[in-house]
Every structure is written in structure tokens, then in C-alpha cells.
Amino acid sequence: MEPQEIKPNDINSITRFLTAFGDPTRIRIVTLLGNKGRLNVGEIAGEFEISRPAISHHLKILRDARIVDHKKRGQEVYYWLARERLATNFRALADLATSFNHGD
């Protein structure tokens, strides 16, 4: 396989994606949404011992990394896992890793 060149936009995208997984709370949120599906912020916050604003902050990071999708309904914002994008990002990282020439 030919080594892949990483474009600057892709580097930013990869950085956001990996940064989002750099926190145990965000990994737990992703797991929760993966297991339970669409939940509002209050339902998500109810599963944690941190404040609702802190959960909202973590959700923003996950949104920015395009790991979760969201929709506002009335006063509530509902979140769900962007499964296809998540799978695509993990496949792209795996493809990148296997394209490296290790020299050994």
C-alpha cells in the first residue's frame, strides 16, 4: 500500500476526532448513546455525577468532532451517536496506520 499524505484539513479533523476520545467522560457518553440511542441532555446528565453544563461542554466537543448528531425539540436538545461517521473515521485511521512504511 502506498503511504498516504495527510491534508491539512484532514489533520484538523483527525485531531478533533482523537481529542474527543481523550477524556473518560466523553468515552462514557459515546458508550451511553451507543447503547441507549437518542437522549436529551438531562437524560445524559442523569447518568453522571457532574453538572449539566459540564455534560453540555463534553457534548459540544463530541459535536465538533462529528461523533454525535443533535436536534433541538422545544426546550430540549437530543443527541445520538453518528454511527456511520464514527465507523468511517475509525476505518480511515486504520487505513492510514497500515499505509506507513515501517522500514523493518
Protein backbone atom coordinates (compact mmCIF):
# COMPACT_ATOMS: atom_id res chain seq x y z
CA MET A 1 0.00 0.00 0.00
CA GLU A 2 1.30 3.47 -0.87
CA PRO A 3 1.98 5.85 2.02
CA GLN A 4 -0.84 8.35 2.40
CA GLU A 5 -0.31 12.08 2.53
CA ILE A 6 -2.42 13.83 5.13
CA LYS A 7 -4.06 17.06 4.00
CA PRO A 8 -4.18 19.98 6.47
CA ASN A 9 -8.00 19.81 6.71
CA ASP A 10 -7.76 16.09 7.43
CA ILE A 11 -5.19 16.74 10.16
CA ASN A 12 -7.60 19.16 11.86
CA SER A 13 -10.43 16.65 11.55
CA ILE A 14 -8.31 13.79 12.92
CA THR A 15 -7.14 16.00 15.79
CA ARG A 16 -10.72 16.89 16.80
CA PHE A 17 -11.77 13.25 16.50
CA LEU A 18 -8.91 11.89 18.63
CA THR A 19 -9.16 14.73 21.16
CA ALA A 20 -12.83 13.89 21.67
CA PHE A 21 -11.80 10.40 22.76
CA GLY A 22 -9.12 11.78 25.10
CA ASP A 23 -11.49 12.11 28.03
CA PRO A 24 -13.13 9.26 30.01
CA THR A 25 -16.41 11.16 30.40
CA ARG A 26 -16.73 11.60 26.62
CA ILE A 27 -15.99 7.91 26.07
CA ARG A 28 -18.74 7.11 28.58
CA ILE A 29 -21.15 9.47 26.78
CA VAL A 30 -20.39 7.79 23.44
CA THR A 31 -20.94 4.38 25.04
CA LEU A 32 -24.20 5.55 26.63
CA LEU A 33 -25.55 6.90 23.34
CA GLY A 34 -24.38 3.78 21.52
CA ASN A 35 -26.29 1.58 23.95
CA LYS A 36 -29.41 3.70 24.57
CA GLY A 37 -29.83 5.71 21.39
CA ARG A 38 -31.30 9.22 21.31
CA LEU A 39 -31.22 11.02 24.67
CA ASN A 40 -31.67 14.60 25.81
CA VAL A 41 -29.04 16.45 27.83
CA GLY A 42 -30.92 15.89 31.09
CA GLU A 43 -31.11 12.14 30.50
CA ILE A 44 -27.40 12.03 29.71
CA ALA A 45 -26.52 14.18 32.73
CA GLY A 46 -28.59 11.87 34.94
CA GLU A 47 -26.08 9.10 34.25
CA PHE A 48 -23.12 11.13 35.54
CA GLU A 49 -22.05 12.81 38.77
CA ILE A 50 -21.09 16.06 37.05
CA SER A 51 -23.16 19.14 36.28
CA ARG A 52 -25.43 19.54 33.29
CA PRO A 53 -23.27 22.43 31.96
CA ALA A 54 -20.22 20.13 32.14
CA ILE A 55 -22.12 17.47 30.15
CA SER A 56 -23.10 20.14 27.61
CA HIS A 57 -19.43 21.09 27.25
CA HIS A 58 -18.48 17.46 26.57
CA LEU A 59 -21.33 17.14 24.08
CA LYS A 60 -20.11 20.23 22.23
CA ILE A 61 -16.68 18.65 21.83
CA LEU A 62 -18.32 15.45 20.54
CA ARG A 63 -20.48 17.52 18.15
CA ASP A 64 -17.47 19.46 16.86
CA ALA A 65 -15.70 16.16 16.21
CA ARG A 66 -18.85 14.97 14.37
CA ILE A 67 -19.17 11.95 16.65
CA VAL A 68 -22.71 12.83 17.75
CA ASP A 69 -25.61 14.47 15.98
CA HIS A 70 -28.19 16.64 17.71
CA LYS A 71 -31.58 18.25 17.23
CA LYS A 72 -33.45 20.75 19.35
CA ARG A 73 -37.06 19.94 20.17
CA GLY A 74 -38.76 22.63 22.20
CA GLN A 75 -36.54 23.39 25.17
CA GLU A 76 -34.57 20.14 24.94
CA VAL A 77 -31.63 19.15 22.76
CA TYR A 78 -31.45 15.48 21.83
CA TYR A 79 -28.23 13.69 20.97
CA TRP A 80 -27.44 10.42 19.24
CA LEU A 81 -24.35 8.67 18.01
CA ALA A 82 -23.34 9.44 14.41
CA ARG A 83 -22.57 5.74 13.88
CA GLU A 84 -21.64 5.85 10.21
CA ARG A 85 -19.28 8.83 10.60
CA LEU A 86 -17.75 7.20 13.66
CA ALA A 87 -17.12 3.97 11.76
CA THR A 88 -15.77 5.88 8.74
CA ASN A 89 -13.31 7.81 10.92
CA PHE A 90 -12.03 4.66 12.61
CA ARG A 91 -11.62 2.93 9.22
CA ALA A 92 -9.72 5.96 7.86
CA LEU A 93 -7.36 5.91 10.84
CA ALA A 94 -6.78 2.18 10.41
CA ASP A 95 -6.10 2.64 6.69
CA LEU A 96 -3.66 5.43 7.46
CA ALA A 97 -1.81 3.32 10.02
CA THR A 98 -1.47 0.36 7.65
CA SER A 99 -0.14 2.60 4.85
CA PHE A 100 3.01 3.59 6.73
CA ASN A 101 6.35 2.20 5.58
CA HIS A 102 7.88 0.98 8.79
CA GLY A 103 11.32 0.24 7.37
CA ASP A 104 11.62 -3.03 9.26
